[in-house]
Amino acid sequence: MHELGIVFHVIRAVENIGREQGLTDVASVTLELGQVSGVVPHELESCWKWAAARTELMPRAALRIETVPAVTHCGGCGRDYDTVPQGRTCPYCGSEDTWLVQGNEVNIKEIEAQ
């Protein structure tokens, strides 16, 4: 379950930021979660509840998840397209010279402190 590892990483990052900024209580953390990141949102939320409850800085902090849509760029025709329904083959020109532009990230977007 790599969701628990992600949660531990996020918590460490938030705790480091909290120390730097002098925070005493975090109300929520918002993550940007790519559509094709391979992370299961409900598993991430479950791990978050368990792990955050054991911290001093964020025992009641909510986890908010914003989904980042997967977008692929085609090197053949230069167009972008929605990755999930199309996959790696460009729906416009049929090229397989494509790469993911966004949609596999896991980023801390916002920390709300009280």
PDB file of N, CA and C in Angstrom:
ATOM      1  N   MET A   1       0.847  -1.179   0.000  1.00  0.00           N
ATOM      2  CA  MET A   1       0.000   0.000   0.000  1.00  0.00           C
ATOM      3  C   MET A   1       0.893   1.242   0.000  1.00  0.00           C
ATOM      4  N   HIS A   2       1.127   1.819  -1.156  1.00  0.00           N
ATOM      5  CA  HIS A   2       1.993   2.997  -1.223  1.00  0.00           C
ATOM      6  C   HIS A   2       1.296   4.258  -0.742  1.00  0.00           C
ATOM      7  N   GLU A   3      -0.031   4.199  -0.539  1.00  0.00           N
ATOM      8  CA  GLU A   3      -0.753   5.359  -0.024  1.00  0.00           C
ATOM      9  C   GLU A   3      -0.247   5.751   1.357  1.00  0.00           C
ATOM     10  N   LEU A   4       0.066   4.762   2.194  1.00  0.00           N
ATOM     11  CA  LEU A   4       0.577   5.068   3.533  1.00  0.00           C
ATOM     12  C   LEU A   4       1.930   5.766   3.446  1.00  0.00           C
ATOM     13  N   GLY A   5       2.788   5.329   2.541  1.00  0.00           N
ATOM     14  CA  GLY A   5       4.071   5.992   2.340  1.00  0.00           C
ATOM     15  C   GLY A   5       3.895   7.430   1.879  1.00  0.00           C
ATOM     16  N   ILE A   6       2.937   7.663   1.003  1.00  0.00           N
ATOM     17  CA  ILE A   6       2.655   9.024   0.535  1.00  0.00           C
ATOM     18  C   ILE A   6       2.181   9.882   1.705  1.00  0.00           C
ATOM     19  N   VAL A   7       1.284   9.333   2.513  1.00  0.00           N
ATOM     20  CA  VAL A   7       0.769  10.070   3.670  1.00  0.00           C
ATOM     21  C   VAL A   7       1.908  10.422   4.630  1.00  0.00           C
ATOM     22  N   PHE A   8       2.782   9.477   4.920  1.00  0.00           N
ATOM     23  CA  PHE A   8       3.914   9.767   5.806  1.00  0.00           C
ATOM     24  C   PHE A   8       4.786  10.881   5.226  1.00  0.00           C
ATOM     25  N   HIS A   9       5.015  10.850   3.924  1.00  0.00           N
ATOM     26  CA  HIS A   9       5.816  11.886   3.267  1.00  0.00           C
ATOM     27  C   HIS A   9       5.136  13.253   3.389  1.00  0.00           C
ATOM     28  N   VAL A  10       3.842  13.309   3.137  1.00  0.00           N
ATOM     29  CA  VAL A  10       3.089  14.572   3.234  1.00  0.00           C
ATOM     30  C   VAL A  10       3.127  15.093   4.665  1.00  0.00           C
ATOM     31  N   ILE A  11       2.901  14.210   5.626  1.00  0.00           N
ATOM     32  CA  ILE A  11       2.915  14.632   7.028  1.00  0.00           C
ATOM     33  C   ILE A  11       4.285  15.202   7.405  1.00  0.00           C
ATOM     34  N   ARG A  12       5.369  14.542   7.003  1.00  0.00           N
ATOM     35  CA  ARG A  12       6.716  15.062   7.292  1.00  0.00           C
ATOM     36  C   ARG A  12       6.904  16.453   6.675  1.00  0.00           C
ATOM     37  N   ALA A  13       6.452  16.600   5.437  1.00  0.00           N
ATOM     38  CA  ALA A  13       6.593  17.891   4.760  1.00  0.00           C
ATOM     39  C   ALA A  13       5.792  18.975   5.477  1.00  0.00           C
ATOM     40  N   VAL A  14       4.572  18.663   5.868  1.00  0.00           N
ATOM     41  CA  VAL A  14       3.732  19.638   6.571  1.00  0.00           C
ATOM     42  C   VAL A  14       4.332  19.968   7.935  1.00  0.00           C
ATOM     43  N   GLU A  15       4.853  18.974   8.638  1.00  0.00           N
ATOM     44  CA  GLU A  15       5.489  19.232   9.930  1.00  0.00           C
ATOM     45  C   GLU A  15       6.719  20.128   9.762  1.00  0.00           C
ATOM     46  N   ASN A  16       7.509  19.905   8.720  1.00  0.00           N
ATOM     47  CA  ASN A  16       8.673  20.764   8.460  1.00  0.00           C
ATOM     48  C   ASN A  16       8.242  22.194   8.176  1.00  0.00           C
ATOM     49  N   ILE A  17       7.229  22.349   7.344  1.00  0.00           N
ATOM     50  CA  ILE A  17       6.708  23.685   7.029  1.00  0.00           C
ATOM     51  C   ILE A  17       6.134  24.320   8.291  1.00  0.00           C
ATOM     52  N   GLY A  18       5.437  23.525   9.079  1.00  0.00           N
ATOM     53  CA  GLY A  18       4.859  24.020  10.327  1.00  0.00           C
ATOM     54  C   GLY A  18       5.917  24.567  11.277  1.00  0.00           C
ATOM     55  N   ARG A  19       7.033  23.833  11.399  1.00  0.00           N
ATOM     56  CA  ARG A  19       8.136  24.317  12.249  1.00  0.00           C
ATOM     57  C   ARG A  19       8.708  25.625  11.705  1.00  0.00           C
ATOM     58  N   GLU A  20       8.929  25.674  10.399  1.00  0.00           N
ATOM     59  CA  GLU A  20       9.496  26.878   9.777  1.00  0.00           C
ATOM     60  C   GLU A  20       8.585  28.091   9.952  1.00  0.00           C
ATOM     61  N   GLN A  21       7.283  27.871   9.897  1.00  0.00           N
ATOM     62  CA  GLN A  21       6.328  28.974   9.946  1.00  0.00           C
ATOM     63  C   GLN A  21       5.748  29.217  11.343  1.00  0.00           C
ATOM     64  N   GLY A  22       6.121  28.394  12.301  1.00  0.00           N
ATOM     65  CA  GLY A  22       5.629  28.566  13.663  1.00  0.00           C
ATOM     66  C   GLY A  22       4.165  28.177  13.830  1.00  0.00           C
ATOM     67  N   LEU A  23       3.705  27.215  13.051  1.00  0.00           N
ATOM     68  CA  LEU A  23       2.313  26.784  13.144  1.00  0.00           C
ATOM     69  C   LEU A  23       2.110  25.906  14.375  1.00  0.00           C
ATOM     70  N   THR A  24       0.909  25.984  14.951  1.00  0.00           N
ATOM     71  CA  THR A  24       0.591  25.159  16.111  1.00  0.00           C
ATOM     72  C   THR A  24      -0.561  24.196  15.849  1.00  0.00           C
ATOM     73  N   ASP A  25      -1.371  24.468  14.829  1.00  0.00           N
ATOM     74  CA  ASP A  25      -2.509  23.596  14.542  1.00  0.00           C
ATOM     75  C   ASP A  25      -2.868  23.702  13.058  1.00  0.00           C
ATOM     76  N   VAL A  26      -2.832  22.586  12.361  1.00  0.00           N
ATOM     77  CA  VAL A  26      -3.202  22.548  10.951  1.00  0.00           C
ATOM     78  C   VAL A  26      -4.638  22.036  10.843  1.00  0.00           C
ATOM     79  N   ALA A  27      -5.479  22.807  10.152  1.00  0.00           N
ATOM     80  CA  ALA A  27      -6.896  22.445   9.997  1.00  0.00           C
ATOM     81  C   ALA A  27      -7.125  21.536   8.802  1.00  0.00           C
ATOM     82  N   SER A  28      -6.374  21.760   7.718  1.00  0.00           N
ATOM     83  CA  SER A  28      -6.553  20.920   6.532  1.00  0.00           C
ATOM     84  C   SER A  28      -5.323  20.982   5.640  1.00  0.00           C
ATOM     85  N   VAL A  29      -5.199  19.946   4.835  1.00  0.00           N
ATOM     86  CA  VAL A  29      -4.146  19.871   3.829  1.00  0.00           C
ATOM     87  C   VAL A  29      -4.848  19.508   2.519  1.00  0.00           C
ATOM     88  N   THR A  30      -4.559  20.274   1.470  1.00  0.00           N
ATOM     89  CA  THR A  30      -5.127  20.000   0.153  1.00  0.00           C
ATOM     90  C   THR A  30      -4.032  19.429  -0.734  1.00  0.00           C
ATOM     91  N   LEU A  31      -4.329  18.269  -1.323  1.00  0.00           N
ATOM     92  CA  LEU A  31      -3.402  17.622  -2.246  1.00  0.00           C
ATOM     93  C   LEU A  31      -3.960  17.678  -3.653  1.00  0.00           C
ATOM     94  N   GLU A  32      -3.071  17.886  -4.607  1.00  0.00           N
ATOM     95  CA  GLU A  32      -3.403  17.712  -6.017  1.00  0.00           C
ATOM     96  C   GLU A  32      -3.007  16.284  -6.367  1.00  0.00           C
ATOM     97  N   LEU A  33      -3.974  15.519  -6.838  1.00  0.00           N
ATOM     98  CA  LEU A  33      -3.758  14.102  -7.121  1.00  0.00           C
ATOM     99  C   LEU A  33      -4.055  13.843  -8.593  1.00  0.00           C
ATOM    100  N   GLY A  34      -3.029  13.473  -9.331  1.00  0.00           N
ATOM    101  CA  GLY A  34      -3.189  13.223 -10.760  1.00  0.00           C
ATOM    102  C   GLY A  34      -4.114  12.044 -11.042  1.00  0.00           C
ATOM    103  N   GLN A  35      -4.890  12.190 -12.076  1.00  0.00           N
ATOM    104  CA  GLN A  35      -5.880  11.193 -12.478  1.00  0.00           C
ATOM    105  C   GLN A  35      -5.251   9.827 -12.758  1.00  0.00           C
ATOM    106  N   VAL A  36      -4.019   9.802 -13.241  1.00  0.00           N
ATOM    107  CA  VAL A  36      -3.346   8.534 -13.534  1.00  0.00           C
ATOM    108  C   VAL A  36      -2.109   8.333 -12.634  1.00  0.00           C
ATOM    109  N   SER A  37      -2.173   8.878 -11.434  1.00  0.00           N
ATOM    110  CA  SER A  37      -1.050   8.766 -10.497  1.00  0.00           C
ATOM    111  C   SER A  37      -0.932   7.368  -9.906  1.00  0.00           C
ATOM    112  N   GLY A  38      -1.985   6.602  -9.978  1.00  0.00           N
ATOM    113  CA  GLY A  38      -1.971   5.273  -9.390  1.00  0.00           C
ATOM    114  C   GLY A  38      -2.327   5.269  -7.915  1.00  0.00           C
ATOM    115  N   VAL A  39      -2.631   6.432  -7.371  1.00  0.00           N
ATOM    116  CA  VAL A  39      -3.012   6.550  -5.965  1.00  0.00           C
ATOM    117  C   VAL A  39      -4.531   6.404  -5.864  1.00  0.00           C
ATOM    118  N   VAL A  40      -4.964   5.582  -4.908  1.00  0.00           N
ATOM    119  CA  VAL A  40      -6.396   5.345  -4.696  1.00  0.00           C
ATOM    120  C   VAL A  40      -6.882   6.339  -3.636  1.00  0.00           C
ATOM    121  N   PRO A  41      -7.737   7.302  -4.026  1.00  0.00           N
ATOM    122  CA  PRO A  41      -8.141   8.364  -3.095  1.00  0.00           C
ATOM    123  C   PRO A  41      -8.726   7.867  -1.773  1.00  0.00           C
ATOM    124  N   HIS A  42      -9.623   6.907  -1.797  1.00  0.00           N
ATOM    125  CA  HIS A  42     -10.226   6.481  -0.520  1.00  0.00           C
ATOM    126  C   HIS A  42      -9.209   5.765   0.371  1.00  0.00           C
ATOM    127  N   GLU A  43      -8.219   5.113  -0.221  1.00  0.00           N
ATOM    128  CA  GLU A  43      -7.145   4.506   0.567  1.00  0.00           C
ATOM    129  C   GLU A  43      -6.258   5.593   1.174  1.00  0.00           C
ATOM    130  N   LEU A  44      -5.994   6.630   0.398  1.00  0.00           N
ATOM    131  CA  LEU A  44      -5.198   7.752   0.884  1.00  0.00           C
ATOM    132  C   LEU A  44      -5.898   8.418   2.065  1.00  0.00           C
ATOM    133  N   GLU A  45      -7.210   8.625   1.943  1.00  0.00           N
ATOM    134  CA  GLU A  45      -7.983   9.249   3.017  1.00  0.00           C
ATOM    135  C   GLU A  45      -7.977   8.387   4.279  1.00  0.00           C
ATOM    136  N   SER A  46      -8.111   7.090   4.114  1.00  0.00           N
ATOM    137  CA  SER A  46      -8.093   6.181   5.252  1.00  0.00           C
ATOM    138  C   SER A  46      -6.743   6.228   5.968  1.00  0.00           C
ATOM    139  N   CYS A  47      -5.669   6.180   5.204  1.00  0.00           N
ATOM    140  CA  CYS A  47      -4.328   6.266   5.777  1.00  0.00           C
ATOM    141  C   CYS A  47      -4.114   7.607   6.463  1.00  0.00           C
ATOM    142  N   TRP A  48      -4.629   8.674   5.851  1.00  0.00           N
ATOM    143  CA  TRP A  48      -4.488  10.016   6.421  1.00  0.00           C
ATOM    144  C   TRP A  48      -5.131  10.086   7.801  1.00  0.00           C
ATOM    145  N   LYS A  49      -6.359   9.610   7.912  1.00  0.00           N
ATOM    146  CA  LYS A  49      -7.069   9.673   9.199  1.00  0.00           C
ATOM    147  C   LYS A  49      -6.273   8.968  10.290  1.00  0.00           C
ATOM    148  N   TRP A  50      -5.737   7.818   9.963  1.00  0.00           N
ATOM    149  CA  TRP A  50      -4.973   7.046  10.941  1.00  0.00           C
ATOM    150  C   TRP A  50      -3.675   7.761  11.322  1.00  0.00           C
ATOM    151  N   ALA A  51      -2.914   8.196  10.328  1.00  0.00           N
ATOM    152  CA  ALA A  51      -1.595   8.772  10.580  1.00  0.00           C
ATOM    153  C   ALA A  51      -1.664  10.190  11.154  1.00  0.00           C
ATOM    154  N   ALA A  52      -2.530  11.029  10.616  1.00  0.00           N
ATOM    155  CA  ALA A  52      -2.621  12.418  11.085  1.00  0.00           C
ATOM    156  C   ALA A  52      -3.082  12.477  12.539  1.00  0.00           C
ATOM    157  N   ALA A  53      -3.946  11.553  12.936  1.00  0.00           N
ATOM    158  CA  ALA A  53      -4.452  11.530  14.313  1.00  0.00           C
ATOM    159  C   ALA A  53      -3.328  11.306  15.320  1.00  0.00           C
ATOM    160  N   ARG A  54      -2.201  10.793  14.879  1.00  0.00           N
ATOM    161  CA  ARG A  54      -1.077  10.494  15.760  1.00  0.00           C
ATOM    162  C   ARG A  54      -0.017  11.594  15.784  1.00  0.00           C
ATOM    163  N   THR A  55      -0.339  12.731  15.170  1.00  0.00           N
ATOM    164  CA  THR A  55       0.609  13.843  15.148  1.00  0.00           C
ATOM    165  C   THR A  55       0.203  14.918  16.147  1.00  0.00           C
ATOM    166  N   GLU A  56       1.147  15.753  16.515  1.00  0.00           N
ATOM    167  CA  GLU A  56       0.840  16.883  17.402  1.00  0.00           C
ATOM    168  C   GLU A  56       0.279  18.063  16.628  1.00  0.00           C
ATOM    169  N   LEU A  57       0.750  18.250  15.407  1.00  0.00           N
ATOM    170  CA  LEU A  57       0.395  19.436  14.626  1.00  0.00           C
ATOM    171  C   LEU A  57      -0.953  19.329  13.920  1.00  0.00           C
ATOM    172  N   MET A  58      -1.368  18.121  13.571  1.00  0.00           N
ATOM    173  CA  MET A  58      -2.568  17.996  12.733  1.00  0.00           C
ATOM    174  C   MET A  58      -3.474  16.815  13.101  1.00  0.00           C
ATOM    175  N   PRO A  59      -3.754  16.603  14.371  1.00  0.00           N
ATOM    176  CA  PRO A  59      -4.542  15.424  14.744  1.00  0.00           C
ATOM    177  C   PRO A  59      -5.973  15.427  14.208  1.00  0.00           C
ATOM    178  N   ARG A  60      -6.512  16.583  13.933  1.00  0.00           N
ATOM    179  CA  ARG A  60      -7.885  16.672  13.410  1.00  0.00           C
ATOM    180  C   ARG A  60      -7.928  17.258  11.996  1.00  0.00           C
ATOM    181  N   ALA A  61      -6.799  17.339  11.355  1.00  0.00           N
ATOM    182  CA  ALA A  61      -6.722  17.982  10.035  1.00  0.00           C
ATOM    183  C   ALA A  61      -7.455  17.159   8.982  1.00  0.00           C
ATOM    184  N   ALA A  62      -8.231  17.858   8.196  1.00  0.00           N
ATOM    185  CA  ALA A  62      -8.933  17.230   7.074  1.00  0.00           C
ATOM    186  C   ALA A  62      -7.978  17.107   5.893  1.00  0.00           C
ATOM    187  N   LEU A  63      -8.174  16.068   5.119  1.00  0.00           N
ATOM    188  CA  LEU A  63      -7.430  15.913   3.868  1.00  0.00           C
ATOM    189  C   LEU A  63      -8.393  16.228   2.735  1.00  0.00           C
ATOM    190  N   ARG A  64      -8.010  17.187   1.912  1.00  0.00           N
ATOM    191  CA  ARG A  64      -8.812  17.539   0.736  1.00  0.00           C
ATOM    192  C   ARG A  64      -8.030  17.101  -0.492  1.00  0.00           C
ATOM    193  N   ILE A  65      -8.744  16.509  -1.431  1.00  0.00           N
ATOM    194  CA  ILE A  65      -8.095  16.014  -2.644  1.00  0.00           C
ATOM    195  C   ILE A  65      -8.714  16.689  -3.858  1.00  0.00           C
ATOM    196  N   GLU A  66      -7.865  17.264  -4.685  1.00  0.00           N
ATOM    197  CA  GLU A  66      -8.287  17.841  -5.960  1.00  0.00           C
ATOM    198  C   GLU A  66      -7.677  16.995  -7.069  1.00  0.00           C
ATOM    199  N   THR A  67      -8.513  16.503  -7.956  1.00  0.00           N
ATOM    200  CA  THR A  67      -8.037  15.655  -9.046  1.00  0.00           C
ATOM    201  C   THR A  67      -7.516  16.511 -10.196  1.00  0.00           C
ATOM    202  N   VAL A  68      -6.317  16.185 -10.646  1.00  0.00           N
ATOM    203  CA  VAL A  68      -5.711  16.853 -11.803  1.00  0.00           C
ATOM    204  C   VAL A  68      -5.936  15.941 -13.002  1.00  0.00           C
ATOM    205  N   PRO A  69      -6.661  16.423 -14.021  1.00  0.00           N
ATOM    206  CA  PRO A  69      -6.938  15.573 -15.180  1.00  0.00           C
ATOM    207  C   PRO A  69      -5.662  15.200 -15.934  1.00  0.00           C
ATOM    208  N   ALA A  70      -5.668  14.002 -16.488  1.00  0.00           N
ATOM    209  CA  ALA A  70      -4.519  13.536 -17.268  1.00  0.00           C
ATOM    210  C   ALA A  70      -4.616  14.087 -18.685  1.00  0.00           C
ATOM    211  N   VAL A  71      -3.543  14.734 -19.116  1.00  0.00           N
ATOM    212  CA  VAL A  71      -3.473  15.315 -20.453  1.00  0.00           C
ATOM    213  C   VAL A  71      -2.199  14.811 -21.127  1.00  0.00           C
ATOM    214  N   THR A  72      -2.335  14.374 -22.372  1.00  0.00           N
ATOM    215  CA  THR A  72      -1.198  13.882 -23.153  1.00  0.00           C
ATOM    216  C   THR A  72      -0.960  14.817 -24.330  1.00  0.00           C
ATOM    217  N   HIS A  73       0.310  15.011 -24.660  1.00  0.00           N
ATOM    218  CA  HIS A  73       0.697  15.835 -25.807  1.00  0.00           C
ATOM    219  C   HIS A  73       1.208  14.924 -26.914  1.00  0.00           C
ATOM    220  N   CYS A  74       0.829  15.228 -28.139  1.00  0.00           N
ATOM    221  CA  CYS A  74       1.274  14.456 -29.302  1.00  0.00           C
ATOM    222  C   CYS A  74       2.415  15.198 -30.003  1.00  0.00           C
ATOM    223  N   GLY A  75       3.538  14.512 -30.134  1.00  0.00           N
ATOM    224  CA  GLY A  75       4.675  15.079 -30.855  1.00  0.00           C
ATOM    225  C   GLY A  75       4.450  15.079 -32.356  1.00  0.00           C
ATOM    226  N   GLY A  76       3.528  14.239 -32.833  1.00  0.00           N
ATOM    227  CA  GLY A  76       3.240  14.159 -34.263  1.00  0.00           C
ATOM    228  C   GLY A  76       2.488  15.366 -34.790  1.00  0.00           C
ATOM    229  N   CYS A  77       1.402  15.724 -34.115  1.00  0.00           N
ATOM    230  CA  CYS A  77       0.581  16.831 -34.609  1.00  0.00           C
ATOM    231  C   CYS A  77       0.586  18.048 -33.686  1.00  0.00           C
ATOM    232  N   GLY A  78       1.193  17.904 -32.495  1.00  0.00           N
ATOM    233  CA  GLY A  78       1.312  19.042 -31.594  1.00  0.00           C
ATOM    234  C   GLY A  78       0.085  19.333 -30.756  1.00  0.00           C
ATOM    235  N   ARG A  79      -0.899  18.458 -30.789  1.00  0.00           N
ATOM    236  CA  ARG A  79      -2.129  18.712 -30.031  1.00  0.00           C
ATOM    237  C   ARG A  79      -2.114  17.979 -28.697  1.00  0.00           C
ATOM    238  N   ASP A  80      -2.894  18.516 -27.749  1.00  0.00           N
ATOM    239  CA  ASP A  80      -3.105  17.880 -26.457  1.00  0.00           C
ATOM    240  C   ASP A  80      -4.456  17.185 -26.466  1.00  0.00           C
ATOM    241  N   TYR A  81      -4.562  16.109 -25.670  1.00  0.00           N
ATOM    242  CA  TYR A  81      -5.842  15.400 -25.592  1.00  0.00           C
ATOM    243  C   TYR A  81      -5.992  14.741 -24.230  1.00  0.00           C
ATOM    244  N   ASP A  82      -7.241  14.400 -23.908  1.00  0.00           N
ATOM    245  CA  ASP A  82      -7.594  13.731 -22.667  1.00  0.00           C
ATOM    246  C   ASP A  82      -7.022  12.315 -22.687  1.00  0.00           C
ATOM    247  N   THR A  83      -6.153  12.009 -21.750  1.00  0.00           N
ATOM    248  CA  THR A  83      -5.414  10.753 -21.749  1.00  0.00           C
ATOM    249  C   THR A  83      -6.278   9.523 -21.491  1.00  0.00           C
ATOM    250  N   VAL A  84      -7.137   9.589 -20.490  1.00  0.00           N
ATOM    251  CA  VAL A  84      -7.832   8.387 -20.020  1.00  0.00           C
ATOM    252  C   VAL A  84      -8.628   7.682 -21.110  1.00  0.00           C
ATOM    253  N   PRO A  85      -9.480   8.374 -21.870  1.00  0.00           N
ATOM    254  CA  PRO A  85     -10.236   7.625 -22.885  1.00  0.00           C
ATOM    255  C   PRO A  85      -9.405   7.233 -24.112  1.00  0.00           C
ATOM    256  N   GLN A  86      -8.261   7.906 -24.334  1.00  0.00           N
ATOM    257  CA  GLN A  86      -7.496   7.689 -25.564  1.00  0.00           C
ATOM    258  C   GLN A  86      -6.242   6.846 -25.377  1.00  0.00           C
ATOM    259  N   GLY A  87      -5.623   6.923 -24.206  1.00  0.00           N
ATOM    260  CA  GLY A  87      -4.370   6.198 -24.000  1.00  0.00           C
ATOM    261  C   GLY A  87      -3.200   6.895 -24.671  1.00  0.00           C
ATOM    262  N   ARG A  88      -2.260   6.104 -25.148  1.00  0.00           N
ATOM    263  CA  ARG A  88      -1.019   6.663 -25.707  1.00  0.00           C
ATOM    264  C   ARG A  88      -1.110   7.033 -27.178  1.00  0.00           C
ATOM    265  N   THR A  89      -2.121   6.556 -27.878  1.00  0.00           N
ATOM    266  CA  THR A  89      -2.230   6.838 -29.310  1.00  0.00           C
ATOM    267  C   THR A  89      -3.059   8.097 -29.524  1.00  0.00           C
ATOM    268  N   CYS A  90      -2.510   9.043 -30.262  1.00  0.00           N
ATOM    269  CA  CYS A  90      -3.183  10.313 -30.511  1.00  0.00           C
ATOM    270  C   CYS A  90      -4.485  10.086 -31.279  1.00  0.00           C
ATOM    271  N   PRO A  91      -5.587  10.616 -30.776  1.00  0.00           N
ATOM    272  CA  PRO A  91      -6.857  10.447 -31.469  1.00  0.00           C
ATOM    273  C   PRO A  91      -6.976  11.320 -32.725  1.00  0.00           C
ATOM    274  N   TYR A  92      -6.083  12.306 -32.860  1.00  0.00           N
ATOM    275  CA  TYR A  92      -6.143  13.217 -34.002  1.00  0.00           C
ATOM    276  C   TYR A  92      -5.347  12.722 -35.205  1.00  0.00           C
ATOM    277  N   CYS A  93      -4.149  12.172 -34.944  1.00  0.00           N
ATOM    278  CA  CYS A  93      -3.308  11.776 -36.076  1.00  0.00           C
ATOM    279  C   CYS A  93      -2.845  10.313 -36.021  1.00  0.00           C
ATOM    280  N   GLY A  94      -3.145   9.624 -34.913  1.00  0.00           N
ATOM    281  CA  GLY A  94      -2.770   8.222 -34.793  1.00  0.00           C
ATOM    282  C   GLY A  94      -1.331   7.982 -34.370  1.00  0.00           C
ATOM    283  N   SER A  95      -0.586   9.033 -34.097  1.00  0.00           N
ATOM    284  CA  SER A  95       0.811   8.900 -33.699  1.00  0.00           C
ATOM    285  C   SER A  95       0.921   8.300 -32.297  1.00  0.00           C
ATOM    286  N   GLU A  96       2.004   7.570 -32.090  1.00  0.00           N
ATOM    287  CA  GLU A  96       2.323   7.076 -30.751  1.00  0.00           C
ATOM    288  C   GLU A  96       3.493   7.863 -30.144  1.00  0.00           C
ATOM    289  N   ASP A  97       3.886   8.939 -30.803  1.00  0.00           N
ATOM    290  CA  ASP A  97       4.922   9.837 -30.292  1.00  0.00           C
ATOM    291  C   ASP A  97       4.242  10.820 -29.336  1.00  0.00           C
ATOM    292  N   THR A  98       3.865  10.299 -28.173  1.00  0.00           N
ATOM    293  CA  THR A  98       3.101  11.086 -27.210  1.00  0.00           C
ATOM    294  C   THR A  98       3.744  11.009 -25.830  1.00  0.00           C
ATOM    295  N   TRP A  99       3.431  11.995 -24.988  1.00  0.00           N
ATOM    296  CA  TRP A  99       3.907  11.967 -23.606  1.00  0.00           C
ATOM    297  C   TRP A  99       2.911  12.679 -22.710  1.00  0.00           C
ATOM    298  N   LEU A 100       2.892  12.219 -21.475  1.00  0.00           N
ATOM    299  CA  LEU A 100       1.991  12.762 -20.476  1.00  0.00           C
ATOM    300  C   LEU A 100       2.464  14.138 -20.042  1.00  0.00           C
ATOM    301  N   VAL A 101       1.590  15.123 -20.124  1.00  0.00           N
ATOM    302  CA  VAL A 101       1.907  16.490 -19.736  1.00  0.00           C
ATOM    303  C   VAL A 101       1.553  16.715 -18.268  1.00  0.00           C
ATOM    304  N   GLN A 102       0.423  16.196 -17.857  1.00  0.00           N
ATOM    305  CA  GLN A 102      -0.018  16.313 -16.468  1.00  0.00           C
ATOM    306  C   GLN A 102      -0.940  15.144 -16.145  1.00  0.00           C
ATOM    307  N   GLY A 103      -1.060  14.873 -14.856  1.00  0.00           N
ATOM    308  CA  GLY A 103      -1.994  13.851 -14.437  1.00  0.00           C
ATOM    309  C   GLY A 103      -1.400  12.725 -13.633  1.00  0.00           C
ATOM    310  N   ASN A 104      -0.066  12.739 -13.413  1.00  0.00           N
ATOM    311  CA  ASN A 104       0.531  11.693 -12.587  1.00  0.00           C
ATOM    312  C   ASN A 104       1.152  12.251 -11.306  1.00  0.00           C
ATOM    313  N   GLU A 105       0.855  13.504 -10.986  1.00  0.00           N
ATOM    314  CA  GLU A 105       1.478  14.152  -9.846  1.00  0.00           C
ATOM    315  C   GLU A 105       0.707  13.931  -8.538  1.00  0.00           C
ATOM    316  N   VAL A 106       1.437  14.104  -7.451  1.00  0.00           N
ATOM    317  CA  VAL A 106       0.873  14.191  -6.105  1.00  0.00           C
ATOM    318  C   VAL A 106       1.584  15.381  -5.467  1.00  0.00           C
ATOM    319  N   ASN A 107       0.873  16.497  -5.305  1.00  0.00           N
ATOM    320  CA  ASN A 107       1.473  17.732  -4.805  1.00  0.00           C
ATOM    321  C   ASN A 107       0.693  18.263  -3.610  1.00  0.00           C
ATOM    322  N   ILE A 108       1.401  18.848  -2.673  1.00  0.00           N
ATOM    323  CA  ILE A 108       0.732  19.602  -1.616  1.00  0.00           C
ATOM    324  C   ILE A 108       0.383  20.952  -2.215  1.00  0.00           C
ATOM    325  N   LYS A 109      -0.888  21.251  -2.268  1.00  0.00           N
ATOM    326  CA  LYS A 109      -1.340  22.514  -2.846  1.00  0.00           C
ATOM    327  C   LYS A 109      -1.510  23.580  -1.771  1.00  0.00           C
ATOM    328  N   GLU A 110      -2.072  23.178  -0.627  1.00  0.00           N
ATOM    329  CA  GLU A 110      -2.415  24.188   0.383  1.00  0.00           C
ATOM    330  C   GLU A 110      -2.418  23.564   1.768  1.00  0.00           C
ATOM    331  N   ILE A 111      -1.943  24.338   2.731  1.00  0.00           N
ATOM    332  CA  ILE A 111      -2.012  23.970   4.135  1.00  0.00           C
ATOM    333  C   ILE A 111      -2.805  25.062   4.827  1.00  0.00           C
ATOM    334  N   GLU A 112      -3.891  24.685   5.460  1.00  0.00           N
ATOM    335  CA  GLU A 112      -4.712  25.660   6.193  1.00  0.00           C
ATOM    336  C   GLU A 112      -4.401  25.521   7.677  1.00  0.00           C
ATOM    337  N   ALA A 113      -3.916  26.593   8.276  1.00  0.00           N
ATOM    338  CA  ALA A 113      -3.579  26.576   9.696  1.00  0.00           C
ATOM    339  C   ALA A 113      -4.549  27.471  10.459  1.00  0.00           C
ATOM    340  N   GLN A 114      -4.727  27.123  11.715  1.00  0.00           N
ATOM    341  CA  GLN A 114      -5.616  27.933  12.573  1.00  0.00           C
ATOM    342  C   GLN A 114      -4.792  28.751  13.536  1.00  0.00           C
TER     343      GLN A 114
END
